[in-house]
C-alpha atoms as a PDB file:
ATOM      1  CA  MET A   1     -19.415 -21.082  87.944  1.00  0.00           C
ATOM      2  CA  GLY A   2     -20.854 -21.878  84.502  1.00  0.00           C
ATOM      3  CA  ILE A   3     -21.449 -25.344  83.139  1.00  0.00           C
ATOM      4  CA  LEU A   4     -18.400 -25.211  80.886  1.00  0.00           C
ATOM      5  CA  ASP A   5     -16.155 -24.211  83.789  1.00  0.00           C
ATOM      6  CA  SER A   6     -17.551 -27.117  85.810  1.00  0.00           C
ATOM      7  CA  LEU A   7     -16.945 -29.553  82.966  1.00  0.00           C
ATOM      8  CA  LYS A   8     -13.381 -28.350  82.534  1.00  0.00           C
ATOM      9  CA  LYS A   9     -12.574 -28.934  86.202  1.00  0.00           C
ATOM     10  CA  ALA A  10     -14.444 -32.225  86.441  1.00  0.00           C
ATOM     11  CA  PHE A  11     -13.176 -33.781  83.245  1.00  0.00           C
ATOM     12  CA  MET A  12      -9.842 -32.177  82.504  1.00  0.00           C
ATOM     13  CA  GLY A  13      -8.620 -31.349  86.016  1.00  0.00           C
ATOM     14  CA  GLU A  14      -6.804 -28.224  87.009  1.00  0.00           C
ATOM     15  CA  GLN A  15      -4.180 -27.200  84.487  1.00  0.00           C
ATOM     16  CA  LYS A  16      -0.687 -27.602  85.879  1.00  0.00           C
ATOM     17  CA  SER A  17       1.456 -24.495  85.983  1.00  0.00           C
ATOM     18  CA  GLN A  18       4.122 -24.244  83.355  1.00  0.00           C
ATOM     19  CA  HIS A  19       7.657 -23.219  84.298  1.00  0.00           C
ATOM     20  CA  ASP A  20       8.881 -21.182  81.354  1.00  0.00           C
ATOM     21  CA  HIS A  21      11.907 -18.993  81.890  1.00  0.00           C
ATOM     22  CA  HIS A  22      11.527 -17.332  78.503  1.00  0.00           C
ATOM     23  CA  ASP A  23       9.863 -13.962  78.031  1.00  0.00           C
ATOM     24  CA  PRO A  24       6.185 -14.835  77.339  1.00  0.00           C
ATOM     25  CA  LEU A  25       5.814 -11.700  75.224  1.00  0.00           C
ATOM     26  CA  ALA A  26       8.837 -12.360  73.051  1.00  0.00           C
ATOM     27  CA  HIS A  27       7.965 -13.047  69.426  1.00  0.00           C
ATOM     28  CA  GLN A  28       4.262 -13.107  70.354  1.00  0.00           C
ATOM     29  CA  PRO A  29       2.134 -13.167  67.178  1.00  0.00           C
ATOM     30  CA  GLN A  30      -0.749 -10.759  66.794  1.00  0.00           C
ATOM     31  CA  VAL A  31      -4.041 -12.391  67.793  1.00  0.00           C
ATOM     32  CA  ASP A  32      -7.294 -11.565  66.039  1.00  0.00           C
ATOM     33  CA  PRO A  33      -9.873 -11.061  68.846  1.00  0.00           C
ATOM     34  CA  GLU A  34     -12.670 -12.414  66.651  1.00  0.00           C
ATOM     35  CA  GLN A  35     -10.780 -15.568  65.723  1.00  0.00           C
ATOM     36  CA  SER A  36      -9.609 -16.015  69.315  1.00  0.00           C
ATOM     37  CA  TYR A  37     -13.200 -15.779  70.584  1.00  0.00           C
ATOM     38  CA  ILE A  38     -14.454 -18.293  68.007  1.00  0.00           C
ATOM     39  CA  ALA A  39     -11.584 -20.688  68.702  1.00  0.00           C
ATOM     40  CA  GLY A  40     -12.250 -20.573  72.444  1.00  0.00           C
ATOM     41  CA  LEU A  41     -15.958 -21.155  71.965  1.00  0.00           C
ATOM     42  CA  GLU A  42     -15.405 -24.089  69.634  1.00  0.00           C
ATOM     43  CA  ALA A  43     -12.864 -25.586  72.051  1.00  0.00           C
ATOM     44  CA  ASP A  44     -15.413 -25.412  74.873  1.00  0.00           C
ATOM     45  CA  ARG A  45     -18.026 -27.077  72.677  1.00  0.00           C
ATOM     46  CA  ALA A  46     -15.614 -29.874  71.779  1.00  0.00           C
ATOM     47  CA  LEU A  47     -14.845 -30.354  75.477  1.00  0.00           C
ATOM     48  CA  LYS A  48     -18.534 -30.668  76.294  1.00  0.00           C
ATOM     49  CA  ASP A  49     -18.998 -33.237  73.513  1.00  0.00           C
ATOM     50  CA  ARG A  50     -16.086 -35.203  74.917  1.00  0.00           C
ATOM     51  CA  TYR A  51     -17.565 -35.141  78.408  1.00  0.00           C
ATOM     52  CA  PHE A  52     -21.002 -36.204  77.157  1.00  0.00           C
ATOM     53  CA  ARG A  53     -19.469 -39.029  75.137  1.00  0.00           C
ATOM     54  CA  GLN A  54     -17.080 -40.432  77.742  1.00  0.00           C
ATOM     55  CA  ASP A  55     -18.013 -39.524  81.289  1.00  0.00           C
ATOM     56  CA  PRO A  56     -20.225 -41.983  83.246  1.00  0.00           C
ATOM     57  CA  HIS A  57     -22.130 -39.018  84.716  1.00  0.00           C
ATOM     58  CA  SER A  58     -23.114 -37.817  81.252  1.00  0.00           C
ATOM     59  CA  PRO A  59     -26.871 -37.279  80.743  1.00  0.00           C
ATOM     60  CA  ILE A  60     -26.604 -39.042  77.369  1.00  0.00           C
ATOM     61  CA  GLN A  61     -28.073 -42.510  77.704  1.00  0.00           C
ATOM     62  CA  ASN A  62     -26.705 -43.928  74.438  1.00  0.00           C
ATOM     63  CA  ARG A  63     -23.140 -42.664  74.721  1.00  0.00           C
ATOM     64  CA  PRO A  64     -21.555 -45.066  72.170  1.00  0.00           C
ATOM     65  CA  ASN A  65     -23.727 -43.581  69.404  1.00  0.00           C
ATOM     66  CA  PHE A  66     -23.485 -39.975  70.559  1.00  0.00           C
ATOM     67  CA  ALA A  67     -22.468 -37.875  67.550  1.00  0.00           C
ATOM     68  CA  GLY A  68     -22.098 -34.520  69.298  1.00  0.00           C
ATOM     69  CA  LEU A  69     -24.338 -31.555  70.010  1.00  0.00           C
ATOM     70  CA  ASP A  70     -25.622 -29.136  67.396  1.00  0.00           C
ATOM     71  CA  TYR A  71     -24.984 -25.401  67.637  1.00  0.00           C
ATOM     72  CA  TYR A  72     -25.569 -22.202  65.752  1.00  0.00           C
ATOM     73  CA  PRO A  73     -22.359 -20.713  64.345  1.00  0.00           C
ATOM     74  CA  PRO A  74     -20.599 -18.358  66.770  1.00  0.00           C
ATOM     75  CA  ASP A  75     -21.801 -14.787  66.368  1.00  0.00           C
ATOM     76  CA  ARG A  76     -20.464 -11.974  68.552  1.00  0.00           C
ATOM     77  CA  ALA A  77     -23.574  -9.923  67.756  1.00  0.00           C
ATOM     78  CA  PHE A  78     -25.269 -12.062  70.445  1.00  0.00           C
ATOM     79  CA  ARG A  79     -22.695 -11.079  73.067  1.00  0.00           C
ATOM     80  CA  TYR A  80     -23.892  -8.157  75.193  1.00  0.00           C
ATOM     81  CA  LEU A  81     -22.603  -5.957  77.983  1.00  0.00           C
ATOM     82  CA  LEU A  82     -25.799  -4.955  79.777  1.00  0.00           C
ATOM     83  CA  PRO A  83     -26.645  -3.038  82.945  1.00  0.00           C
ATOM     84  CA  LEU A  84     -28.643  -5.050  85.444  1.00  0.00           C
ATOM     85  CA  GLN A  85     -31.750  -3.155  86.481  1.00  0.00           C
ATOM     86  CA  PRO A  86     -32.093  -4.346  90.090  1.00  0.00           C
ATOM     87  CA  ALA A  87     -35.513  -5.288  91.415  1.00  0.00           C
ATOM     88  CA  GLU A  88     -36.721  -2.809  94.047  1.00  0.00           C
ATOM     89  CA  ASN A  89     -38.104  -5.695  96.061  1.00  0.00           C
ATOM     90  CA  PRO A  90     -36.431  -8.969  95.016  1.00  0.00           C
ATOM     91  CA  GLU A  91     -39.081 -11.668  94.812  1.00  0.00           C
ATOM     92  CA  THR A  92     -38.833 -15.270  95.890  1.00  0.00           C
ATOM     93  CA  LEU A  93     -40.324 -17.459  93.170  1.00  0.00           C
ATOM     94  CA  GLN A  94     -41.151 -21.121  92.843  1.00  0.00           C
ATOM     95  CA  LEU A  95     -40.236 -22.115  89.292  1.00  0.00           C
ATOM     96  CA  GLN A  96     -42.092 -25.118  87.925  1.00  0.00           C
ATOM     97  CA  THR A  97     -40.033 -27.997  86.556  1.00  0.00           C
ATOM     98  CA  ASN A  98     -40.681 -30.383  83.690  1.00  0.00           C
ATOM     99  CA  THR A  99     -41.588 -33.100  86.224  1.00  0.00           C
ATOM    100  CA  GLY A 100     -44.125 -30.979  88.125  1.00  0.00           C
ATOM    101  CA  ASP A 101     -41.818 -30.144  91.025  1.00  0.00           C
ATOM    102  CA  GLU A 102     -40.812 -26.658  92.151  1.00  0.00           C
ATOM    103  CA  GLN A 103     -37.442 -25.004  92.703  1.00  0.00           C
ATOM    104  CA  THR A 104     -36.847 -21.772  94.609  1.00  0.00           C
ATOM    105  CA  TYR A 105     -35.249 -18.764  92.913  1.00  0.00           C
ATOM    106  CA  TYR A 106     -34.851 -15.057  93.615  1.00  0.00           C
ATOM    107  CA  ARG A 107     -35.802 -12.567  90.915  1.00  0.00           C
ATOM    108  CA  ILE A 108     -32.989 -10.052  91.254  1.00  0.00           C
ATOM    109  CA  GLY A 109     -33.587  -7.766  88.272  1.00  0.00           C
ATOM    110  CA  THR A 110     -33.973  -7.411  84.522  1.00  0.00           C
ATOM    111  CA  ILE A 111     -31.889  -6.735  81.421  1.00  0.00           C
ATOM    112  CA  GLU A 112     -32.893  -5.070  78.153  1.00  0.00           C
ATOM    113  CA  PHE A 113     -31.306  -5.670  74.761  1.00  0.00           C
ATOM    114  CA  GLU A 114     -32.077  -5.794  71.033  1.00  0.00           C
ATOM    115  CA  VAL A 115     -31.768  -8.464  68.372  1.00  0.00           C
ATOM    116  CA  GLU A 116     -31.763  -6.997  64.870  1.00  0.00           C
ATOM    117  CA  GLY A 117     -33.642  -3.955  66.116  1.00  0.00           C
ATOM    118  CA  GLN A 118     -36.238  -5.907  68.079  1.00  0.00           C
ATOM    119  CA  PRO A 119     -36.273  -5.024  71.794  1.00  0.00           C
ATOM    120  CA  ALA A 120     -36.441  -7.623  74.543  1.00  0.00           C
ATOM    121  CA  ARG A 121     -36.586  -7.615  78.307  1.00  0.00           C
ATOM    122  CA  LEU A 122     -35.658 -10.670  80.382  1.00  0.00           C
ATOM    123  CA  ALA A 123     -35.593 -11.334  84.109  1.00  0.00           C
ATOM    124  CA  VAL A 124     -32.440 -12.553  85.835  1.00  0.00           C
ATOM    125  CA  TYR A 125     -32.718 -14.996  88.731  1.00  0.00           C
ATOM    126  CA  GLU A 126     -30.516 -16.465  91.417  1.00  0.00           C
ATOM    127  CA  SER A 127     -30.843 -20.011  92.702  1.00  0.00           C
ATOM    128  CA  ALA A 128     -31.749 -20.219  96.389  1.00  0.00           C
ATOM    129  CA  GLU A 129     -29.960 -23.567  96.597  1.00  0.00           C
ATOM    130  CA  HIS A 130     -26.828 -23.108  94.521  1.00  0.00           C
ATOM    131  CA  GLY A 131     -26.455 -19.340  94.085  1.00  0.00           C
ATOM    132  CA  GLY A 132     -25.165 -17.884  90.825  1.00  0.00           C
ATOM    133  CA  LEU A 133     -27.024 -15.937  88.158  1.00  0.00           C
ATOM    134  CA  PHE A 134     -29.556 -17.832  86.079  1.00  0.00           C
ATOM    135  CA  LEU A 135     -31.292 -16.732  82.875  1.00  0.00           C
ATOM    136  CA  PRO A 136     -33.771 -19.273  81.474  1.00  0.00           C
ATOM    137  CA  PHE A 137     -35.547 -18.204  78.293  1.00  0.00           C
ATOM    138  CA  ARG A 138     -37.716 -19.274  75.388  1.00  0.00           C
ATOM    139  CA  ASP A 139     -37.761 -17.669  71.953  1.00  0.00           C
ATOM    140  CA  ALA A 140     -39.240 -18.201  68.500  1.00  0.00           C
ATOM    141  CA  THR A 141     -36.857 -21.108  67.833  1.00  0.00           C
ATOM    142  CA  SER A 142     -38.126 -23.111  70.845  1.00  0.00           C
ATOM    143  CA  GLY A 143     -39.817 -26.308  69.724  1.00  0.00           C
ATOM    144  CA  ARG A 144     -38.589 -25.795  66.175  1.00  0.00           C
ATOM    145  CA  GLU A 145     -34.841 -25.369  66.021  1.00  0.00           C
ATOM    146  CA  THR A 146     -34.090 -25.533  69.746  1.00  0.00           C
ATOM    147  CA  TYR A 147     -35.345 -27.461  72.769  1.00  0.00           C
ATOM    148  CA  GLY A 148     -39.052 -26.845  73.203  1.00  0.00           C
ATOM    149  CA  ALA A 149     -38.958 -26.184  76.943  1.00  0.00           C
ATOM    150  CA  GLY A 150     -36.349 -23.445  76.531  1.00  0.00           C
ATOM    151  CA  ARG A 151     -32.674 -22.929  77.130  1.00  0.00           C
ATOM    152  CA  TYR A 152     -30.447 -21.693  79.949  1.00  0.00           C
ATOM    153  CA  LEU A 153     -27.789 -19.020  80.200  1.00  0.00           C
ATOM    154  CA  GLU A 154     -25.565 -17.962  83.086  1.00  0.00           C
ATOM    155  CA  PRO A 155     -24.699 -14.245  82.851  1.00  0.00           C
ATOM    156  CA  HIS A 156     -21.342 -13.160  84.197  1.00  0.00           C
ATOM    157  CA  ASP A 157     -21.490 -10.459  86.864  1.00  0.00           C
ATOM    158  CA  LEU A 158     -18.713  -7.940  86.156  1.00  0.00           C
ATOM    159  CA  GLY A 159     -19.077  -6.395  89.597  1.00  0.00           C
ATOM    160  CA  ASP A 160     -19.810  -2.875  88.374  1.00  0.00           C
ATOM    161  CA  GLY A 161     -23.540  -3.204  87.855  1.00  0.00           C
ATOM    162  CA  ASN A 162     -23.097  -4.723  84.395  1.00  0.00           C
ATOM    163  CA  LEU A 163     -23.563  -8.271  83.168  1.00  0.00           C
ATOM    164  CA  LEU A 164     -21.847 -10.054  80.306  1.00  0.00           C
ATOM    165  CA  VAL A 165     -24.664 -11.912  78.544  1.00  0.00           C
ATOM    166  CA  ASP A 166     -23.464 -14.170  75.731  1.00  0.00           C
ATOM    167  CA  PHE A 167     -26.232 -16.116  74.013  1.00  0.00           C
ATOM    168  CA  ASN A 168     -23.580 -18.151  72.188  1.00  0.00           C
ATOM    169  CA  LEU A 169     -23.182 -19.897  75.550  1.00  0.00           C
ATOM    170  CA  SER A 170     -26.877 -20.746  75.945  1.00  0.00           C
ATOM    171  CA  TYR A 171     -27.397 -24.459  76.484  1.00  0.00           C
ATOM    172  CA  ASN A 172     -30.049 -27.108  76.937  1.00  0.00           C
ATOM    173  CA  PRO A 173     -31.025 -28.362  80.397  1.00  0.00           C
ATOM    174  CA  PHE A 174     -30.207 -32.004  81.080  1.00  0.00           C
ATOM    175  CA  CYS A 175     -33.873 -32.931  80.707  1.00  0.00           C
ATOM    176  CA  ALA A 176     -33.412 -32.287  76.970  1.00  0.00           C
ATOM    177  CA  TYR A 177     -31.283 -35.436  76.847  1.00  0.00           C
ATOM    178  CA  SER A 178     -32.968 -37.685  79.401  1.00  0.00           C
ATOM    179  CA  ASP A 179     -36.255 -37.964  81.289  1.00  0.00           C
ATOM    180  CA  ASP A 180     -34.307 -38.745  84.454  1.00  0.00           C
ATOM    181  CA  TYR A 181     -33.785 -35.057  85.243  1.00  0.00           C
ATOM    182  CA  SER A 182     -36.010 -32.372  86.714  1.00  0.00           C
ATOM    183  CA  CYS A 183     -35.313 -28.936  85.240  1.00  0.00           C
ATOM    184  CA  PRO A 184     -36.902 -25.533  85.963  1.00  0.00           C
ATOM    185  CA  LEU A 185     -38.959 -24.109  83.111  1.00  0.00           C
ATOM    186  CA  PRO A 186     -38.526 -20.505  81.939  1.00  0.00           C
ATOM    187  CA  PRO A 187     -41.287 -18.277  83.370  1.00  0.00           C
ATOM    188  CA  PHE A 188     -43.687 -16.631  80.936  1.00  0.00           C
ATOM    189  CA  GLU A 189     -41.954 -13.260  81.368  1.00  0.00           C
ATOM    190  CA  ASN A 190     -38.788 -14.760  79.870  1.00  0.00           C
ATOM    191  CA  THR A 191     -40.329 -15.556  76.512  1.00  0.00           C
ATOM    192  CA  VAL A 192     -39.372 -13.442  73.500  1.00  0.00           C
ATOM    193  CA  ARG A 193     -41.341 -13.581  70.268  1.00  0.00           C
ATOM    194  CA  PHE A 194     -38.411 -13.385  67.866  1.00  0.00           C
ATOM    195  CA  PRO A 195     -35.651 -15.964  67.263  1.00  0.00           C
ATOM    196  CA  ILE A 196     -32.333 -15.919  69.111  1.00  0.00           C
ATOM    197  CA  ARG A 197     -30.227 -18.049  66.796  1.00  0.00           C
ATOM    198  CA  ALA A 198     -27.210 -18.521  69.017  1.00  0.00           C
ATOM    199  CA  GLY A 199     -26.006 -21.297  71.277  1.00  0.00           C
ATOM    200  CA  GLU A 200     -27.158 -24.893  71.416  1.00  0.00           C
ATOM    201  CA  LYS A 201     -29.804 -26.332  69.103  1.00  0.00           C
ATOM    202  CA  ALA A 202     -32.241 -29.176  69.769  1.00  0.00           C
ATOM    203  CA  PHE A 203     -30.706 -32.533  70.652  1.00  0.00           C
ATOM    204  CA  ARG A 204     -31.066 -35.289  68.051  1.00  0.00           C
ATOM    205  CA  LYS A 205     -31.795 -38.464  69.995  1.00  0.00           C
END
């Protein structure tokens, strides 16, 4: 489960079923997939801002003055359907955290993609404690336009050997907002030399 899914359940609750006896397809307007994608992404971002501003478990320490997170504009060019190249011998790794601790992950494989013709290869991990796919990375925006320690992404396993990797959903770890958190740092192999201008930008404290 991704962070946005968790926030939706924690903050909004499960959506109650609607009892509509009308034909749901009757008089249905045509939906532009591009506009629908952008609207959904912006709605999720607004939900996260609301959670950070109002919830007592928010990592934001100065919630009354929180003005919202900064993002790059949505761009579907950063949304990829990629085959996972499984590791022949999945490794168990100890990822260093910003506080000097270690967290255990499994390196399950790699993905390859291009950004404006520039090739990249990133490793995909799985948390030994929580499960779920985990893709931490740094790029040329890190420390300039985005959080210096890197950003996180949670690929979606489609179950057919492919992953949906959407960099528009990349986000900052909680240690970007507060020193009270310990967050794993992206390994050196997950550093790309060019910018990935998608997802969350650096937090303005």
